[in-house]
Amino acid sequence: MTSPDNSFSPAERAGLYRAIRERRDVRSQFLPAPIPHEVLARLLQAAHHAPSVGFMQPWDFIVIDSKEVRQQVHAIFERENAKALENYAGDQASLYKRLKLEGILESPINLCITCDRTRGGPNVLGRNSILDMDLFSACLAVQNLWLAARAEGIGVGWVSILDQQELAATLQLPENVYPVAYLCVGYVSEFLPSPELQAKGWRSRLPLEELVHGNQWGQPIEDAALESALRKAAV
């Protein structure tokens, strides 16, 4: 008995894997060109079609084009970035200072994806054991938007060096709403051939075959064909 073929066409699969492989955390290549409304709507629709536990759909999307609001958020980043620098010394501190870690003012649009931690009521199907499943679901919306943006030729940068309480106050979020991801979004001059932190010597991508375990943590993969396929996939 053969399984039904529900796969995409080779061209469609290639496009999907290309978007995954070429997605970048963009910080310094933003162009001032505006994003057409219909394109931004497609990106938000892609995010809204992310999976969510119990179909709770905990996300909301704050589209930020106000210069004043972005300046306030940028000030939060500047303060937090100065604190982060204190964690490093020597050559690493010098490299950290040279890294461009946000595009808040350069990108034409900022977007905050939030998580309403009360959506769906006190008992959400599938969330009884792991209460943070709502946050995980919101992160899937971020990834959906990111991959769709790459397919549209639009760059996205996630700004994580922010005080979340200050950010929530700046965006006037209700108490039950958590700011999961603050994103800089816009067309870019280029997508770098490799992640910027790797290109600048901060970190390298870990080999996949070293991260796959067999049945239990730390146990080798016993299927030699799978082990070989993992090595080839990295080429």
Protein backbone atom coordinates (compact mmCIF):
# COMPACT_ATOMS: atom_id res chain seq x y z
CA MET A 1 0.00 0.00 0.00
CA THR A 2 1.48 3.35 -1.03
CA SER A 3 1.06 6.57 0.88
CA PRO A 4 -0.77 9.46 -0.80
CA ASP A 5 1.55 12.12 -2.18
CA ASN A 6 0.57 15.37 -0.50
CA SER A 7 3.93 17.00 -1.11
CA PHE A 8 4.52 20.29 -2.90
CA SER A 9 5.99 20.40 -6.37
CA PRO A 10 9.82 20.42 -6.56
CA ALA A 11 9.80 24.15 -7.35
CA GLU A 12 7.50 24.93 -4.41
CA ARG A 13 9.64 22.86 -2.04
CA ALA A 14 12.78 24.59 -3.29
CA GLY A 15 11.20 27.98 -2.60
CA LEU A 16 10.24 27.00 0.93
CA TYR A 17 13.66 25.63 1.80
CA ARG A 18 15.31 28.66 0.20
CA ALA A 19 13.29 31.00 2.42
CA ILE A 20 14.35 29.00 5.49
CA ARG A 21 18.00 28.90 4.45
CA GLU A 22 18.27 32.54 3.37
CA ARG A 23 16.24 34.14 6.16
CA ARG A 24 18.39 36.66 7.99
CA ASP A 25 18.15 38.77 11.12
CA VAL A 26 18.48 42.13 9.35
CA ARG A 27 19.94 45.13 11.12
CA SER A 28 21.88 47.38 8.77
CA GLN A 29 20.62 46.90 5.21
CA PHE A 30 17.22 48.59 5.45
CA LEU A 31 16.00 50.86 2.65
CA PRO A 32 13.53 53.75 3.22
CA ALA A 33 11.08 52.43 0.59
CA PRO A 34 7.63 51.86 2.13
CA ILE A 35 6.05 48.42 2.23
CA PRO A 36 2.88 48.35 0.10
CA HIS A 37 -0.22 47.82 2.20
CA GLU A 38 -1.19 44.65 0.36
CA VAL A 39 2.25 43.14 1.01
CA LEU A 40 2.15 43.99 4.71
CA ALA A 41 -1.34 42.50 4.87
CA ARG A 42 0.00 39.25 3.36
CA LEU A 43 2.75 39.10 5.96
CA LEU A 44 0.29 39.62 8.81
CA GLN A 45 -2.03 37.02 7.32
CA ALA A 46 0.87 34.55 7.20
CA ALA A 47 1.61 35.25 10.85
CA HIS A 48 -2.05 34.85 11.75
CA HIS A 49 -2.05 31.38 10.16
CA ALA A 50 0.57 30.08 12.59
CA PRO A 51 -0.32 27.04 14.68
CA SER A 52 -1.41 27.71 18.25
CA VAL A 53 -2.18 25.38 21.12
CA GLY A 54 -5.91 24.95 21.59
CA PHE A 55 -6.35 27.27 18.57
CA MET A 56 -6.14 30.11 21.09
CA GLN A 57 -4.40 32.50 18.62
CA PRO A 58 -2.84 34.56 21.43
CA TRP A 59 -1.14 37.09 19.15
CA ASP A 60 -1.89 40.71 18.32
CA PHE A 61 0.12 42.87 15.93
CA ILE A 62 1.08 46.49 16.63
CA VAL A 63 2.20 48.24 13.44
CA ILE A 64 4.46 51.14 14.42
CA ASP A 65 5.23 53.88 11.90
CA SER A 66 5.28 56.73 14.42
CA LYS A 67 8.72 58.33 14.61
CA GLU A 68 8.04 59.43 18.17
CA VAL A 69 7.18 55.92 19.37
CA ARG A 70 10.20 54.44 17.60
CA GLN A 71 12.48 57.03 19.18
CA GLN A 72 11.16 56.04 22.60
CA VAL A 73 11.82 52.37 21.86
CA HIS A 74 15.27 53.20 20.52
CA ALA A 75 16.08 54.98 23.79
CA ILE A 76 15.15 51.80 25.67
CA PHE A 77 17.48 49.85 23.40
CA GLU A 78 20.35 52.28 23.99
CA ARG A 79 20.05 51.90 27.76
CA GLU A 80 19.81 48.11 27.65
CA ASN A 81 22.61 47.81 25.12
CA ALA A 82 24.92 49.77 27.41
CA LYS A 83 24.10 47.30 30.20
CA ALA A 84 24.71 44.33 27.90
CA LEU A 85 28.15 45.65 26.97
CA GLU A 86 29.18 45.29 30.62
CA ASN A 87 29.00 41.48 30.20
CA TYR A 88 32.00 41.46 27.85
CA ALA A 89 35.64 42.45 28.09
CA GLY A 90 38.68 42.80 25.89
CA ASP A 91 38.38 41.86 22.22
CA GLN A 92 34.85 40.56 22.71
CA ALA A 93 33.74 43.92 24.11
CA SER A 94 35.38 45.70 21.19
CA LEU A 95 33.60 43.44 18.72
CA TYR A 96 30.29 43.91 20.55
CA LYS A 97 30.60 47.70 20.21
CA ARG A 98 31.02 47.33 16.44
CA LEU A 99 27.95 45.13 15.97
CA LYS A 100 24.82 46.76 14.58
CA LEU A 101 22.06 45.17 16.68
CA GLU A 102 18.90 47.01 15.61
CA GLY A 103 17.27 48.97 12.81
CA ILE A 104 14.54 50.67 14.80
CA LEU A 105 14.87 54.09 13.19
CA GLU A 106 16.16 52.98 9.77
CA SER A 107 13.40 50.51 8.91
CA PRO A 108 10.15 51.97 7.53
CA ILE A 109 7.97 49.85 9.84
CA ASN A 110 8.38 48.43 13.31
CA LEU A 111 6.09 45.62 14.38
CA CYS A 112 5.45 44.25 17.84
CA ILE A 113 3.92 40.78 18.08
CA THR A 114 2.33 40.32 21.48
CA CYS A 115 0.82 37.47 23.45
CA ASP A 116 -2.49 37.86 25.30
CA ARG A 117 -1.94 35.46 28.19
CA THR A 118 -5.67 35.36 29.02
CA ARG A 119 -6.99 34.62 25.55
CA GLY A 120 -9.14 31.52 25.44
CA GLY A 121 -10.07 31.74 29.12
CA PRO A 122 -8.60 30.00 32.18
CA ASN A 123 -8.61 26.52 30.62
CA VAL A 124 -7.16 26.28 27.13
CA LEU A 125 -7.08 22.88 25.50
CA GLY A 126 -3.49 21.60 25.58
CA ARG A 127 -2.18 24.27 27.94
CA ASN A 128 -2.86 22.64 31.29
CA SER A 129 0.61 21.14 31.73
CA ILE A 130 2.80 23.69 29.95
CA LEU A 131 1.48 27.16 30.70
CA ASP A 132 3.97 28.85 28.37
CA MET A 133 2.44 27.22 25.29
CA ASP A 134 0.78 30.56 24.52
CA LEU A 135 4.20 32.22 24.30
CA PHE A 136 5.51 29.40 22.14
CA SER A 137 2.50 29.80 19.85
CA ALA A 138 3.19 33.52 19.45
CA CYS A 139 6.79 32.71 18.50
CA LEU A 140 5.45 30.54 15.68
CA ALA A 141 3.58 33.57 14.37
CA VAL A 142 6.91 35.44 14.35
CA GLN A 143 8.54 32.68 12.31
CA ASN A 144 5.66 32.53 9.84
CA LEU A 145 5.94 36.27 9.24
CA TRP A 146 9.72 36.07 8.94
CA LEU A 147 9.68 33.37 6.26
CA ALA A 148 6.89 35.07 4.32
CA ALA A 149 8.85 38.33 4.47
CA ARG A 150 11.93 36.65 3.00
CA ALA A 151 9.82 35.30 0.13
CA GLU A 152 8.60 38.88 -0.49
CA GLY A 153 12.16 40.26 -0.46
CA ILE A 154 11.58 41.99 2.87
CA GLY A 155 14.02 41.94 5.75
CA VAL A 156 13.12 41.42 9.41
CA GLY A 157 15.24 42.08 12.48
CA TRP A 158 14.26 40.96 15.98
CA VAL A 159 15.32 43.50 18.65
CA SER A 160 15.70 41.55 21.88
CA ILE A 161 17.85 44.07 23.77
CA LEU A 162 14.87 45.83 25.32
CA ASP A 163 13.40 46.09 28.81
CA GLN A 164 10.03 44.38 28.36
CA GLN A 165 8.29 46.37 31.08
CA GLU A 166 9.43 49.67 29.59
CA LEU A 167 8.43 48.47 26.12
CA ALA A 168 4.99 47.44 27.36
CA ALA A 169 4.51 50.85 28.96
CA THR A 170 5.62 52.66 25.80
CA LEU A 171 3.18 50.66 23.68
CA GLN A 172 0.45 50.99 26.33
CA LEU A 173 -0.10 47.24 26.51
CA PRO A 174 -2.76 45.87 28.88
CA GLU A 175 -1.40 44.05 31.92
CA ASN A 176 -2.30 40.65 30.49
CA VAL A 177 -0.48 41.25 27.18
CA TYR A 178 3.23 40.42 26.87
CA PRO A 179 5.46 41.87 24.11
CA VAL A 180 6.99 38.73 22.58
CA ALA A 181 8.87 40.17 19.61
CA TYR A 182 9.81 43.69 18.57
CA LEU A 183 10.62 43.55 14.86
CA CYS A 184 12.15 45.97 12.36
CA VAL A 185 10.65 45.36 8.92
CA GLY A 186 11.47 46.71 5.48
CA TYR A 187 13.01 46.20 2.08
CA VAL A 188 16.79 45.78 2.16
CA SER A 189 19.73 46.46 -0.12
CA GLU A 190 20.85 42.83 0.20
CA PHE A 191 20.43 39.64 2.18
CA LEU A 192 23.84 38.66 3.51
CA PRO A 193 25.14 35.26 2.32
CA SER A 194 25.58 34.13 5.93
CA PRO A 195 24.23 35.29 9.31
CA GLU A 196 25.86 38.59 10.29
CA LEU A 197 27.08 37.35 13.68
CA GLN A 198 28.78 34.44 11.94
CA ALA A 199 30.32 36.65 9.26
CA LYS A 200 31.73 39.01 11.91
CA GLY A 201 33.17 36.23 14.02
CA TRP A 202 30.77 36.28 16.96
CA ARG A 203 29.48 32.71 16.62
CA SER A 204 29.35 29.96 14.00
CA ARG A 205 26.51 27.61 13.11
CA LEU A 206 26.74 24.34 15.03
CA PRO A 207 26.97 21.10 13.01
CA LEU A 208 23.53 19.48 12.84
CA GLU A 209 24.88 15.95 13.27
CA GLU A 210 26.24 16.94 16.70
CA LEU A 211 22.76 18.04 17.84
CA VAL A 212 20.74 14.96 16.90
CA HIS A 213 20.44 12.21 19.53
CA GLY A 214 19.09 8.68 19.26
CA ASN A 215 16.17 7.77 21.55
CA GLN A 216 17.72 9.41 24.62
CA TRP A 217 19.99 12.38 25.29
CA GLY A 218 23.62 11.75 24.44
CA GLN A 219 22.95 8.48 22.63
CA PRO A 220 24.22 8.08 19.05
CA ILE A 221 21.98 7.65 16.03
CA GLU A 222 22.03 3.93 15.26
CA ASP A 223 20.60 4.32 11.77
CA ALA A 224 23.70 4.70 9.60
CA ALA A 225 21.66 5.89 6.61
CA LEU A 226 20.14 8.73 8.67
CA GLU A 227 23.54 9.68 10.05
CA SER A 228 24.91 9.85 6.52
CA ALA A 229 21.92 11.93 5.36
CA LEU A 230 22.48 14.41 8.20
CA ARG A 231 26.07 14.95 7.13
CA LYS A 232 25.07 15.41 3.49
CA ALA A 233 22.31 17.87 4.42
CA ALA A 234 24.93 20.24 5.77
CA VAL A 235 26.81 20.44 2.47
